[in-house]
N, C-alpha and C. Protein backbone atom coordinates (compact mmCIF):
# COMPACT_ATOMS: atom_id res chain seq x y z
N UNK A 1 251.14 121.62 270.45
CA UNK A 1 252.43 122.04 271.01
C UNK A 1 253.26 122.67 269.90
N UNK A 2 253.73 123.89 270.19
CA UNK A 2 254.50 124.62 269.19
C UNK A 2 255.84 123.95 268.96
N UNK A 3 256.24 123.89 267.66
CA UNK A 3 257.54 123.30 267.33
C UNK A 3 258.64 124.32 267.48
N UNK A 4 259.75 123.89 268.01
CA UNK A 4 260.91 124.78 268.13
C UNK A 4 261.55 124.94 266.77
N UNK A 5 261.69 126.18 266.29
CA UNK A 5 262.28 126.37 264.95
C UNK A 5 263.71 125.85 264.93
N UNK A 6 264.07 125.18 263.82
CA UNK A 6 265.45 124.69 263.68
C UNK A 6 266.37 125.85 263.38
N UNK A 7 267.59 125.79 263.87
CA UNK A 7 268.51 126.90 263.61
C UNK A 7 268.81 127.02 262.13
N UNK A 8 268.98 128.24 261.67
CA UNK A 8 269.29 128.48 260.26
C UNK A 8 270.64 127.86 259.92
N UNK A 9 270.72 127.23 258.73
CA UNK A 9 272.00 126.64 258.34
C UNK A 9 273.01 127.75 258.08
N UNK A 10 274.23 127.57 258.55
CA UNK A 10 275.23 128.62 258.37
C UNK A 10 275.57 128.81 256.90
N UNK A 11 275.78 130.05 256.51
CA UNK A 11 276.14 130.34 255.12
C UNK A 11 277.57 129.87 254.86
N UNK A 12 277.79 129.29 253.67
CA UNK A 12 279.14 128.86 253.31
C UNK A 12 280.06 130.07 253.29
N UNK A 13 281.18 130.01 254.05
CA UNK A 13 282.05 131.18 254.10
C UNK A 13 282.63 131.52 252.73
N UNK A 14 282.77 132.79 252.48
CA UNK A 14 283.35 133.26 251.22
C UNK A 14 284.86 133.09 251.28
N UNK A 15 285.43 132.54 250.23
CA UNK A 15 286.88 132.43 250.13
C UNK A 15 287.27 132.58 248.67
N UNK A 16 288.56 132.62 248.39
CA UNK A 16 289.03 132.86 247.03
C UNK A 16 288.54 131.78 246.06
N UNK A 17 288.59 130.54 246.50
CA UNK A 17 288.20 129.46 245.61
C UNK A 17 286.73 129.53 245.25
N UNK A 18 285.90 129.84 246.23
CA UNK A 18 284.47 129.96 245.97
C UNK A 18 284.18 131.12 245.03
N UNK A 19 284.88 132.23 245.20
CA UNK A 19 284.70 133.38 244.31
C UNK A 19 285.10 133.00 242.88
N UNK A 20 286.21 132.31 242.73
CA UNK A 20 286.68 131.94 241.38
C UNK A 20 285.71 130.99 240.70
N UNK A 21 285.21 130.02 241.44
CA UNK A 21 284.25 129.09 240.82
C UNK A 21 282.98 129.81 240.42
N UNK A 22 282.56 130.78 241.20
CA UNK A 22 281.38 131.57 240.83
C UNK A 22 281.66 132.42 239.60
N UNK A 23 282.87 132.97 239.51
CA UNK A 23 283.25 133.78 238.35
C UNK A 23 283.25 132.93 237.08
N UNK A 24 283.75 131.71 237.17
CA UNK A 24 283.71 130.79 236.03
C UNK A 24 282.26 130.52 235.65
N UNK A 25 281.39 130.34 236.63
CA UNK A 25 279.98 130.08 236.35
C UNK A 25 279.33 131.24 235.60
N UNK A 26 279.66 132.47 235.99
CA UNK A 26 279.12 133.65 235.28
C UNK A 26 279.60 133.66 233.84
N UNK A 27 280.91 133.41 233.65
CA UNK A 27 281.48 133.40 232.30
C UNK A 27 280.85 132.31 231.45
N UNK A 28 280.60 131.15 232.06
CA UNK A 28 280.02 130.03 231.32
C UNK A 28 278.59 130.35 230.87
N UNK A 29 277.83 130.98 231.75
CA UNK A 29 276.40 131.18 231.46
C UNK A 29 276.12 132.43 230.63
N UNK A 30 276.95 133.46 230.80
CA UNK A 30 276.62 134.74 230.14
C UNK A 30 277.77 135.32 229.33
N UNK A 31 278.93 134.68 229.33
CA UNK A 31 280.07 135.21 228.59
C UNK A 31 280.96 136.05 229.48
N UNK A 32 282.22 136.15 229.08
CA UNK A 32 283.20 136.85 229.90
C UNK A 32 282.86 138.34 230.03
N UNK A 33 282.19 138.90 229.03
CA UNK A 33 281.81 140.32 229.09
C UNK A 33 280.82 140.62 230.19
N UNK A 34 280.09 139.60 230.63
CA UNK A 34 279.09 139.79 231.69
C UNK A 34 279.69 139.71 233.08
N UNK A 35 280.97 139.36 233.15
CA UNK A 35 281.59 139.21 234.46
C UNK A 35 282.01 140.58 235.00
N UNK A 36 281.31 141.03 236.03
CA UNK A 36 281.65 142.25 236.74
C UNK A 36 281.63 141.95 238.22
N UNK A 37 282.13 142.87 239.02
CA UNK A 37 282.09 142.66 240.46
C UNK A 37 280.65 142.56 240.94
N UNK A 38 279.77 143.31 240.31
CA UNK A 38 278.36 143.29 240.72
C UNK A 38 277.70 141.97 240.32
N UNK A 39 277.93 141.52 239.07
CA UNK A 39 277.30 140.26 238.65
C UNK A 39 277.85 139.08 239.44
N UNK A 40 279.13 139.16 239.80
CA UNK A 40 279.74 138.10 240.59
C UNK A 40 279.16 138.07 242.00
N UNK A 41 278.97 139.25 242.58
CA UNK A 41 278.36 139.33 243.91
C UNK A 41 276.94 138.78 243.89
N UNK A 42 276.20 139.08 242.82
CA UNK A 42 274.84 138.55 242.70
C UNK A 42 274.87 137.03 242.62
N UNK A 43 275.81 136.48 241.85
CA UNK A 43 275.94 135.03 241.73
C UNK A 43 276.21 134.38 243.09
N UNK A 44 276.97 135.06 243.92
CA UNK A 44 277.34 134.53 245.24
C UNK A 44 276.34 134.88 246.33
N UNK A 45 275.44 135.82 246.04
CA UNK A 45 274.49 136.26 247.05
C UNK A 45 275.11 137.10 248.14
N UNK A 46 276.09 137.94 247.77
CA UNK A 46 276.76 138.82 248.73
C UNK A 46 276.78 140.23 248.18
N UNK A 47 277.20 141.16 249.00
CA UNK A 47 277.38 142.54 248.54
C UNK A 47 278.70 142.64 247.78
N UNK A 48 278.78 143.49 246.76
CA UNK A 48 280.03 143.61 245.99
C UNK A 48 281.25 143.90 246.86
N UNK A 49 281.09 144.68 247.91
CA UNK A 49 282.25 145.02 248.75
C UNK A 49 282.85 143.79 249.41
N UNK A 50 282.06 142.73 249.60
CA UNK A 50 282.59 141.52 250.23
C UNK A 50 283.68 140.88 249.38
N UNK A 51 283.61 141.09 248.07
CA UNK A 51 284.60 140.48 247.18
C UNK A 51 285.98 141.09 247.38
N UNK A 52 286.02 142.35 247.79
CA UNK A 52 287.31 143.04 247.92
C UNK A 52 288.11 142.57 249.12
N UNK A 53 287.52 141.75 249.96
CA UNK A 53 288.30 141.14 251.03
C UNK A 53 289.19 140.02 250.49
N UNK A 54 288.90 139.57 249.27
CA UNK A 54 289.62 138.43 248.69
C UNK A 54 290.36 138.78 247.41
N UNK A 55 289.86 139.78 246.67
CA UNK A 55 290.49 140.18 245.41
C UNK A 55 290.53 141.70 245.34
N UNK A 56 291.65 142.22 244.87
CA UNK A 56 291.80 143.68 244.81
C UNK A 56 290.91 144.31 243.75
N UNK A 57 290.69 143.57 242.64
CA UNK A 57 289.92 144.13 241.53
C UNK A 57 289.53 143.01 240.56
N UNK A 58 288.83 143.37 239.50
CA UNK A 58 288.38 142.39 238.52
C UNK A 58 289.55 141.73 237.81
N UNK A 59 290.62 142.49 237.56
CA UNK A 59 291.78 141.93 236.87
C UNK A 59 292.37 140.75 237.64
N UNK A 60 292.39 140.85 238.93
CA UNK A 60 292.90 139.76 239.75
C UNK A 60 291.99 138.53 239.66
N UNK A 61 290.70 138.77 239.52
CA UNK A 61 289.76 137.66 239.35
C UNK A 61 289.97 137.01 237.98
N UNK A 62 290.19 137.81 236.95
CA UNK A 62 290.47 137.25 235.62
C UNK A 62 291.74 136.40 235.64
N UNK A 63 292.78 136.89 236.32
CA UNK A 63 294.00 136.08 236.48
C UNK A 63 293.65 134.73 237.11
N UNK A 64 292.80 134.78 238.12
CA UNK A 64 292.45 133.58 238.87
C UNK A 64 291.66 132.58 238.05
N UNK A 65 290.69 133.05 237.25
CA UNK A 65 289.86 132.09 236.51
C UNK A 65 290.63 131.50 235.33
N UNK A 66 291.56 132.26 234.77
CA UNK A 66 292.40 131.68 233.72
C UNK A 66 293.31 130.61 234.34
N UNK A 67 293.76 130.84 235.55
CA UNK A 67 294.56 129.82 236.22
C UNK A 67 293.72 128.57 236.50
N UNK A 68 292.44 128.75 236.80
CA UNK A 68 291.54 127.61 236.98
C UNK A 68 291.47 126.80 235.69
N UNK A 69 291.35 127.47 234.55
CA UNK A 69 291.29 126.77 233.26
C UNK A 69 292.59 126.01 233.01
N UNK A 70 293.73 126.67 233.23
CA UNK A 70 295.01 125.99 233.04
C UNK A 70 295.14 124.77 233.94
N UNK A 71 294.57 124.85 235.13
CA UNK A 71 294.68 123.73 236.07
C UNK A 71 293.93 122.49 235.58
N UNK A 72 292.97 122.68 234.67
CA UNK A 72 292.19 121.55 234.14
C UNK A 72 292.90 120.84 232.98
N UNK A 73 293.93 121.48 232.41
CA UNK A 73 294.65 120.90 231.28
C UNK A 73 295.68 119.90 231.81
N UNK A 74 295.72 118.72 231.21
CA UNK A 74 296.71 117.73 231.62
C UNK A 74 298.12 118.23 231.33
N UNK A 75 299.02 118.02 232.27
CA UNK A 75 300.44 118.29 232.02
C UNK A 75 300.98 117.22 231.07
N UNK A 76 302.00 117.55 230.28
CA UNK A 76 302.61 116.50 229.46
C UNK A 76 303.19 115.41 230.34
N UNK A 77 302.81 114.16 230.16
CA UNK A 77 303.30 113.10 231.03
C UNK A 77 304.82 113.03 231.04
N UNK A 78 305.40 113.05 232.22
CA UNK A 78 306.86 113.11 232.36
C UNK A 78 307.54 111.83 231.90
N UNK A 79 306.82 110.70 231.92
CA UNK A 79 307.43 109.42 231.59
C UNK A 79 307.20 109.02 230.14
N UNK A 80 306.64 109.92 229.33
CA UNK A 80 306.34 109.60 227.93
C UNK A 80 307.38 110.24 227.01
N UNK A 81 307.48 109.72 225.79
CA UNK A 81 308.30 110.34 224.76
C UNK A 81 307.79 111.76 224.53
N UNK A 82 308.71 112.69 224.24
CA UNK A 82 308.32 114.11 224.17
C UNK A 82 307.17 114.33 223.20
N UNK A 83 307.18 113.63 222.08
CA UNK A 83 306.13 113.83 221.08
C UNK A 83 304.78 113.37 221.61
N UNK A 84 304.73 112.18 222.21
CA UNK A 84 303.49 111.68 222.79
C UNK A 84 303.02 112.57 223.93
N UNK A 85 303.97 113.07 224.73
CA UNK A 85 303.62 113.91 225.88
C UNK A 85 302.98 115.22 225.42
N UNK A 86 303.56 115.85 224.40
CA UNK A 86 303.02 117.12 223.93
C UNK A 86 301.73 116.93 223.16
N UNK A 87 301.60 115.81 222.48
CA UNK A 87 300.34 115.51 221.80
C UNK A 87 299.22 115.33 222.83
N UNK A 88 299.51 114.59 223.90
CA UNK A 88 298.53 114.38 224.97
C UNK A 88 298.10 115.72 225.56
N UNK A 89 299.06 116.57 225.83
CA UNK A 89 298.75 117.87 226.43
C UNK A 89 297.92 118.75 225.49
N UNK A 90 298.23 118.73 224.19
CA UNK A 90 297.50 119.55 223.22
C UNK A 90 296.06 119.07 223.09
N UNK A 91 295.85 117.76 223.04
CA UNK A 91 294.50 117.21 222.94
C UNK A 91 293.70 117.58 224.20
N UNK A 92 294.34 117.51 225.36
CA UNK A 92 293.68 117.88 226.61
C UNK A 92 293.31 119.36 226.61
N UNK A 93 294.23 120.22 226.14
CA UNK A 93 293.97 121.66 226.11
C UNK A 93 292.78 121.99 225.21
N UNK A 94 292.73 121.34 224.06
CA UNK A 94 291.59 121.58 223.16
C UNK A 94 290.28 121.17 223.82
N UNK A 95 290.30 120.03 224.53
CA UNK A 95 289.09 119.55 225.19
C UNK A 95 288.64 120.53 226.29
N UNK A 96 289.60 121.04 227.06
CA UNK A 96 289.27 121.99 228.13
C UNK A 96 288.72 123.28 227.55
N UNK A 97 289.33 123.77 226.48
CA UNK A 97 288.87 125.03 225.88
C UNK A 97 287.51 124.88 225.21
N UNK A 98 287.17 123.67 224.81
CA UNK A 98 285.81 123.45 224.29
C UNK A 98 284.78 123.64 225.39
N UNK A 99 285.18 123.34 226.65
CA UNK A 99 284.27 123.56 227.79
C UNK A 99 284.24 125.03 228.20
N UNK A 100 285.34 125.75 227.95
CA UNK A 100 285.45 127.14 228.39
C UNK A 100 285.85 128.06 227.22
N UNK A 101 285.03 128.16 226.18
CA UNK A 101 285.43 128.97 225.02
C UNK A 101 285.67 130.43 225.34
N UNK A 102 285.03 130.95 226.38
CA UNK A 102 285.22 132.34 226.79
C UNK A 102 286.68 132.62 227.18
N UNK A 103 287.41 131.57 227.56
CA UNK A 103 288.78 131.75 228.06
C UNK A 103 289.81 131.89 226.95
N UNK A 104 289.47 131.46 225.73
CA UNK A 104 290.47 131.37 224.67
C UNK A 104 291.22 132.68 224.44
N UNK A 105 290.54 133.84 224.28
CA UNK A 105 291.29 135.08 224.03
C UNK A 105 292.16 135.53 225.21
N UNK A 106 291.90 134.98 226.39
CA UNK A 106 292.61 135.44 227.59
C UNK A 106 293.77 134.54 227.99
N UNK A 107 293.95 133.41 227.32
CA UNK A 107 294.89 132.41 227.80
C UNK A 107 296.32 132.93 227.90
N UNK A 108 296.73 133.79 226.98
CA UNK A 108 298.11 134.30 227.00
C UNK A 108 298.16 135.80 227.27
N UNK A 109 297.06 136.36 227.75
CA UNK A 109 297.03 137.81 227.90
C UNK A 109 297.26 138.29 229.33
N UNK A 110 297.27 137.37 230.29
CA UNK A 110 297.37 137.78 231.68
C UNK A 110 298.81 138.11 232.05
N UNK A 111 299.01 139.25 232.68
CA UNK A 111 300.36 139.70 233.04
C UNK A 111 300.79 139.21 234.42
N UNK A 112 299.84 138.63 235.17
CA UNK A 112 300.17 138.07 236.48
C UNK A 112 299.68 136.63 236.52
N UNK A 113 300.39 135.73 235.82
CA UNK A 113 299.91 134.35 235.74
C UNK A 113 299.98 133.65 237.09
N UNK A 114 299.04 132.73 237.29
CA UNK A 114 298.98 131.98 238.54
C UNK A 114 299.84 130.72 238.48
N UNK A 115 299.87 129.97 239.57
CA UNK A 115 300.76 128.81 239.65
C UNK A 115 300.45 127.72 238.63
N UNK A 116 299.18 127.46 238.33
CA UNK A 116 298.85 126.43 237.35
C UNK A 116 299.31 126.85 235.96
N UNK A 117 299.16 128.13 235.65
CA UNK A 117 299.61 128.66 234.36
C UNK A 117 301.12 128.50 234.22
N UNK A 118 301.85 128.89 235.25
CA UNK A 118 303.30 128.78 235.22
C UNK A 118 303.75 127.32 235.13
N UNK A 119 303.05 126.45 235.85
CA UNK A 119 303.40 125.03 235.83
C UNK A 119 303.21 124.44 234.43
N UNK A 120 302.14 124.85 233.74
CA UNK A 120 301.89 124.37 232.39
C UNK A 120 303.03 124.76 231.45
N UNK A 121 303.39 126.04 231.45
CA UNK A 121 304.43 126.51 230.54
C UNK A 121 305.78 125.89 230.88
N UNK A 122 306.06 125.76 232.18
CA UNK A 122 307.33 125.17 232.59
C UNK A 122 307.40 123.71 232.15
N UNK A 123 306.29 122.98 232.27
CA UNK A 123 306.27 121.57 231.91
C UNK A 123 306.46 121.38 230.40
N UNK A 124 305.84 122.24 229.60
CA UNK A 124 305.98 122.13 228.14
C UNK A 124 307.42 122.43 227.73
N UNK A 125 307.97 123.53 228.23
CA UNK A 125 309.35 123.88 227.89
C UNK A 125 310.31 122.80 228.40
N UNK A 126 310.05 122.30 229.60
CA UNK A 126 310.90 121.25 230.16
C UNK A 126 310.87 119.99 229.32
N UNK A 127 309.70 119.61 228.81
CA UNK A 127 309.58 118.43 227.94
C UNK A 127 310.43 118.60 226.69
N UNK A 128 310.38 119.78 226.10
CA UNK A 128 311.16 120.05 224.89
C UNK A 128 312.66 120.11 225.18
N UNK A 129 313.03 120.71 226.28
CA UNK A 129 314.46 120.82 226.62
C UNK A 129 315.05 119.44 226.90
N UNK A 130 314.32 118.60 227.62
CA UNK A 130 314.83 117.26 227.92
C UNK A 130 314.94 116.41 226.65
N UNK A 131 314.12 116.75 225.64
CA UNK A 131 314.19 116.02 224.37
C UNK A 131 315.40 116.43 223.54
N UNK A 132 316.02 117.57 223.89
CA UNK A 132 317.20 118.02 223.16
C UNK A 132 317.02 119.31 222.39
N UNK A 133 315.84 119.94 222.46
CA UNK A 133 315.65 121.22 221.80
C UNK A 133 316.45 122.30 222.52
N UNK A 134 317.02 123.23 221.75
CA UNK A 134 317.66 124.40 222.38
C UNK A 134 316.58 125.24 223.04
N UNK A 135 316.98 126.15 223.92
CA UNK A 135 315.97 126.97 224.59
C UNK A 135 315.22 127.84 223.59
N UNK A 136 315.93 128.32 222.55
CA UNK A 136 315.26 129.13 221.54
C UNK A 136 314.23 128.30 220.76
N UNK A 137 314.62 127.08 220.36
CA UNK A 137 313.69 126.23 219.63
C UNK A 137 312.53 125.77 220.51
N UNK A 138 312.82 125.52 221.80
CA UNK A 138 311.76 125.13 222.73
C UNK A 138 310.72 126.24 222.85
N UNK A 139 311.20 127.49 222.93
CA UNK A 139 310.29 128.62 223.04
C UNK A 139 309.43 128.74 221.79
N UNK A 140 310.04 128.55 220.61
CA UNK A 140 309.29 128.66 219.37
C UNK A 140 308.29 127.51 219.23
N UNK A 141 308.72 126.31 219.64
CA UNK A 141 307.83 125.16 219.55
C UNK A 141 306.62 125.32 220.46
N UNK A 142 306.84 125.81 221.68
CA UNK A 142 305.73 126.04 222.60
C UNK A 142 304.74 127.04 222.01
N UNK A 143 305.28 128.12 221.46
CA UNK A 143 304.42 129.15 220.86
C UNK A 143 303.64 128.59 219.68
N UNK A 144 304.29 127.79 218.85
CA UNK A 144 303.64 127.20 217.69
C UNK A 144 302.50 126.26 218.12
N UNK A 145 302.77 125.40 219.08
CA UNK A 145 301.75 124.46 219.53
C UNK A 145 300.56 125.18 220.17
N UNK A 146 300.86 126.15 221.04
CA UNK A 146 299.76 126.85 221.69
C UNK A 146 298.95 127.68 220.70
N UNK A 147 299.63 128.30 219.74
CA UNK A 147 298.90 129.08 218.74
C UNK A 147 297.95 128.19 217.95
N UNK A 148 298.41 127.00 217.62
CA UNK A 148 297.56 126.06 216.88
C UNK A 148 296.36 125.63 217.72
N UNK A 149 296.61 125.26 218.97
CA UNK A 149 295.52 124.81 219.85
C UNK A 149 294.50 125.93 220.07
N UNK A 150 294.98 127.13 220.40
CA UNK A 150 294.06 128.24 220.67
C UNK A 150 293.28 128.62 219.41
N UNK A 151 293.97 128.65 218.27
CA UNK A 151 293.31 129.02 217.03
C UNK A 151 292.24 128.01 216.64
N UNK A 152 292.55 126.73 216.81
CA UNK A 152 291.57 125.70 216.46
C UNK A 152 290.38 125.75 217.42
N UNK A 153 290.69 125.94 218.70
CA UNK A 153 289.61 126.03 219.69
C UNK A 153 288.72 127.24 219.42
N UNK A 154 289.32 128.34 219.00
CA UNK A 154 288.54 129.54 218.68
C UNK A 154 287.65 129.29 217.48
N UNK A 155 288.18 128.59 216.48
CA UNK A 155 287.37 128.24 215.31
C UNK A 155 286.22 127.32 215.71
N UNK A 156 286.50 126.35 216.57
CA UNK A 156 285.44 125.43 217.01
C UNK A 156 284.38 126.12 217.84
N UNK A 157 284.75 127.24 218.48
CA UNK A 157 283.78 127.98 219.30
C UNK A 157 282.73 128.68 218.45
N UNK A 158 282.96 128.74 217.12
CA UNK A 158 281.99 129.35 216.22
C UNK A 158 280.68 128.58 216.28
N UNK A 159 279.54 129.27 216.37
CA UNK A 159 278.25 128.57 216.42
C UNK A 159 278.04 127.60 215.27
N UNK A 160 278.62 127.90 214.10
CA UNK A 160 278.43 127.03 212.94
C UNK A 160 279.13 125.69 213.08
N UNK A 161 280.05 125.60 214.06
CA UNK A 161 280.81 124.36 214.23
C UNK A 161 280.47 123.66 215.53
N UNK A 162 279.46 124.12 216.25
CA UNK A 162 279.15 123.53 217.55
C UNK A 162 278.72 122.07 217.43
N UNK A 163 278.03 121.73 216.35
CA UNK A 163 277.59 120.35 216.16
C UNK A 163 277.84 119.95 214.72
N UNK A 164 277.90 118.65 214.46
CA UNK A 164 278.07 118.16 213.10
C UNK A 164 276.91 118.63 212.22
N UNK A 165 275.71 118.70 212.80
CA UNK A 165 274.53 119.08 212.02
C UNK A 165 274.66 120.51 211.52
N UNK A 166 275.05 121.43 212.40
CA UNK A 166 275.16 122.83 211.96
C UNK A 166 276.31 123.00 210.99
N UNK A 167 277.39 122.22 211.16
CA UNK A 167 278.50 122.28 210.22
C UNK A 167 278.05 121.83 208.83
N UNK A 168 277.24 120.77 208.79
CA UNK A 168 276.72 120.30 207.52
C UNK A 168 275.76 121.31 206.91
N UNK A 169 274.98 121.97 207.74
CA UNK A 169 274.08 123.02 207.24
C UNK A 169 274.89 124.13 206.56
N UNK A 170 276.01 124.50 207.17
CA UNK A 170 276.87 125.54 206.58
C UNK A 170 277.40 125.09 205.23
N UNK A 171 277.86 123.83 205.17
CA UNK A 171 278.36 123.31 203.90
C UNK A 171 277.26 123.30 202.84
N UNK A 172 276.06 122.91 203.23
CA UNK A 172 274.94 122.87 202.28
C UNK A 172 274.60 124.27 201.78
N UNK A 173 274.69 125.25 202.68
CA UNK A 173 274.40 126.63 202.28
C UNK A 173 275.42 127.12 201.26
N UNK A 174 276.69 126.76 201.48
CA UNK A 174 277.73 127.14 200.52
C UNK A 174 277.49 126.46 199.18
N UNK A 175 277.13 125.16 199.24
CA UNK A 175 276.92 124.37 198.03
C UNK A 175 275.74 124.91 197.22
N UNK A 176 274.79 125.52 197.91
CA UNK A 176 273.57 125.98 197.24
C UNK A 176 273.69 127.39 196.67
N UNK A 177 274.83 128.05 196.94
CA UNK A 177 274.98 129.43 196.44
C UNK A 177 275.01 129.43 194.91
N UNK A 178 274.12 130.20 194.26
CA UNK A 178 274.15 130.25 192.80
C UNK A 178 275.05 131.40 192.32
N UNK A 179 275.71 131.28 191.18
CA UNK A 179 275.91 130.00 190.49
C UNK A 179 277.10 129.26 191.12
N UNK A 180 277.02 127.95 191.25
CA UNK A 180 278.08 127.17 191.89
C UNK A 180 279.39 127.29 191.14
N UNK A 181 279.31 127.58 189.84
CA UNK A 181 280.52 127.67 189.03
C UNK A 181 281.45 128.79 189.51
N UNK A 182 280.89 129.77 190.19
CA UNK A 182 281.73 130.88 190.67
C UNK A 182 282.56 130.48 191.88
N UNK A 183 282.17 129.40 192.55
CA UNK A 183 282.89 128.95 193.75
C UNK A 183 283.19 127.45 193.63
N UNK A 184 283.92 127.06 192.60
CA UNK A 184 284.07 125.63 192.33
C UNK A 184 284.80 124.87 193.43
N UNK A 185 285.77 125.51 194.06
CA UNK A 185 286.55 124.78 195.08
C UNK A 185 285.79 124.66 196.39
N UNK A 186 284.99 125.68 196.71
CA UNK A 186 284.14 125.57 197.89
C UNK A 186 283.07 124.50 197.66
N UNK A 187 282.52 124.45 196.45
CA UNK A 187 281.52 123.43 196.15
C UNK A 187 282.13 122.04 196.25
N UNK A 188 283.36 121.90 195.76
CA UNK A 188 284.05 120.61 195.86
C UNK A 188 284.30 120.24 197.31
N UNK A 189 284.73 121.22 198.12
CA UNK A 189 284.97 120.99 199.56
C UNK A 189 283.69 120.52 200.24
N UNK A 190 282.57 121.19 199.94
CA UNK A 190 281.31 120.83 200.59
C UNK A 190 280.82 119.45 200.17
N UNK A 191 280.99 119.11 198.89
CA UNK A 191 280.44 117.85 198.38
C UNK A 191 281.37 116.67 198.63
N UNK A 192 282.66 116.86 198.36
CA UNK A 192 283.59 115.74 198.38
C UNK A 192 284.31 115.55 199.72
N UNK A 193 284.15 116.53 200.60
CA UNK A 193 284.85 116.40 201.88
C UNK A 193 283.86 116.42 203.05
N UNK A 194 283.17 117.54 203.23
CA UNK A 194 282.30 117.70 204.40
C UNK A 194 281.14 116.71 204.36
N UNK A 195 280.56 116.48 203.18
CA UNK A 195 279.38 115.62 203.09
C UNK A 195 279.72 114.13 203.03
N UNK A 196 280.98 113.79 203.12
CA UNK A 196 281.35 112.37 203.06
C UNK A 196 281.01 111.67 204.38
N UNK A 197 280.57 110.40 204.33
CA UNK A 197 280.22 109.67 205.56
C UNK A 197 281.42 109.60 206.50
N UNK A 198 281.12 109.84 207.77
CA UNK A 198 282.17 109.74 208.79
C UNK A 198 282.99 111.00 208.98
N UNK A 199 282.74 112.04 208.15
CA UNK A 199 283.52 113.26 208.32
C UNK A 199 283.17 113.94 209.64
N UNK A 200 284.20 114.36 210.35
CA UNK A 200 284.02 115.14 211.58
C UNK A 200 285.07 116.23 211.60
N UNK A 201 284.61 117.47 211.74
CA UNK A 201 285.56 118.58 211.71
C UNK A 201 286.64 118.43 212.79
N UNK A 202 286.26 117.88 213.94
CA UNK A 202 287.22 117.74 215.03
C UNK A 202 288.38 116.83 214.70
N UNK A 203 288.18 115.87 213.78
CA UNK A 203 289.26 114.95 213.42
C UNK A 203 290.43 115.68 212.79
N UNK A 204 290.16 116.83 212.20
CA UNK A 204 291.21 117.57 211.51
C UNK A 204 292.19 118.21 212.49
N UNK A 205 291.79 118.34 213.74
CA UNK A 205 292.69 118.89 214.75
C UNK A 205 293.93 118.01 214.90
N UNK A 206 293.72 116.72 215.08
CA UNK A 206 294.84 115.82 215.31
C UNK A 206 295.67 115.64 214.03
N UNK A 207 295.05 115.76 212.88
CA UNK A 207 295.80 115.71 211.60
C UNK A 207 296.81 116.86 211.57
N UNK A 208 296.35 118.07 211.86
CA UNK A 208 297.25 119.22 211.86
C UNK A 208 298.29 119.14 212.96
N UNK A 209 297.86 118.69 214.14
CA UNK A 209 298.78 118.55 215.27
C UNK A 209 299.93 117.60 214.93
N UNK A 210 299.60 116.48 214.30
CA UNK A 210 300.64 115.52 213.94
C UNK A 210 301.63 116.10 212.93
N UNK A 211 301.15 116.93 212.02
CA UNK A 211 302.07 117.56 211.07
C UNK A 211 303.02 118.53 211.78
N UNK A 212 302.51 119.26 212.75
CA UNK A 212 303.38 120.16 213.53
C UNK A 212 304.43 119.36 214.28
N UNK A 213 304.02 118.28 214.90
CA UNK A 213 304.97 117.45 215.64
C UNK A 213 305.98 116.79 214.70
N UNK A 214 305.55 116.41 213.50
CA UNK A 214 306.47 115.88 212.50
C UNK A 214 307.55 116.91 212.18
N UNK A 215 307.13 118.16 211.99
CA UNK A 215 308.08 119.23 211.65
C UNK A 215 309.06 119.46 212.80
N UNK A 216 308.56 119.46 214.01
CA UNK A 216 309.45 119.66 215.16
C UNK A 216 310.44 118.50 215.28
N UNK A 217 309.97 117.29 215.00
CA UNK A 217 310.87 116.13 215.07
C UNK A 217 311.97 116.23 214.02
N UNK A 218 311.62 116.70 212.83
CA UNK A 218 312.63 116.86 211.79
C UNK A 218 313.66 117.91 212.19
N UNK A 219 313.19 119.01 212.82
CA UNK A 219 314.13 120.05 213.27
C UNK A 219 315.06 119.49 214.34
N UNK A 220 314.51 118.69 215.22
CA UNK A 220 315.33 118.13 216.30
C UNK A 220 316.40 117.21 215.75
N UNK A 221 316.03 116.33 214.84
CA UNK A 221 317.00 115.36 214.30
C UNK A 221 317.99 116.00 213.35
N UNK A 222 317.65 117.19 212.80
CA UNK A 222 318.55 117.88 211.88
C UNK A 222 319.68 118.58 212.60
N UNK A 223 319.51 118.88 213.90
CA UNK A 223 320.55 119.60 214.66
C UNK A 223 321.77 118.72 214.88
């Protein structure tokens, strides 16, 4: 007796959220340079023209995926002291950017920011304003903190810093450069700092972050 074929499962409908998640997947696997309307359509299994029902162009998709990244960053906790709140947010941002290194150069470049992006900036400025910073100082503090986070995340995205092992290999290569006398301070850095037990490049992020917050606290109390 012939079996009745089961009906084909319906295809998941295309929507903005599904397109954005697919765009993030392309960026994660092949880099942001590989993200095109055609590569995105291939990732979704649709024709490129289907994407234009949801996004006007690639720029709108870039706005959207950067907003997705911002949505993953913790907001500064509203019930915490301003310093603890901004420290929490900076540590979260660094962690998110470690997952999405392709996003780092684009974080402040979008001219049509999405709601998560706007909420992040509003929350940071609001935290500083409620702490007593003037609007000018709040703007400068936000820029300083974000520049530090993005710069550190960009440095960590370097292949030489992806793991402790490769970082140590880099230090060993510097240490082995002949003659070592020509680079005495680099040799000292490699031997007395990087090669020390327990050293982790990532620990230096919070060291620098705390110094920035110390400086901001001094500015606040000096007013």
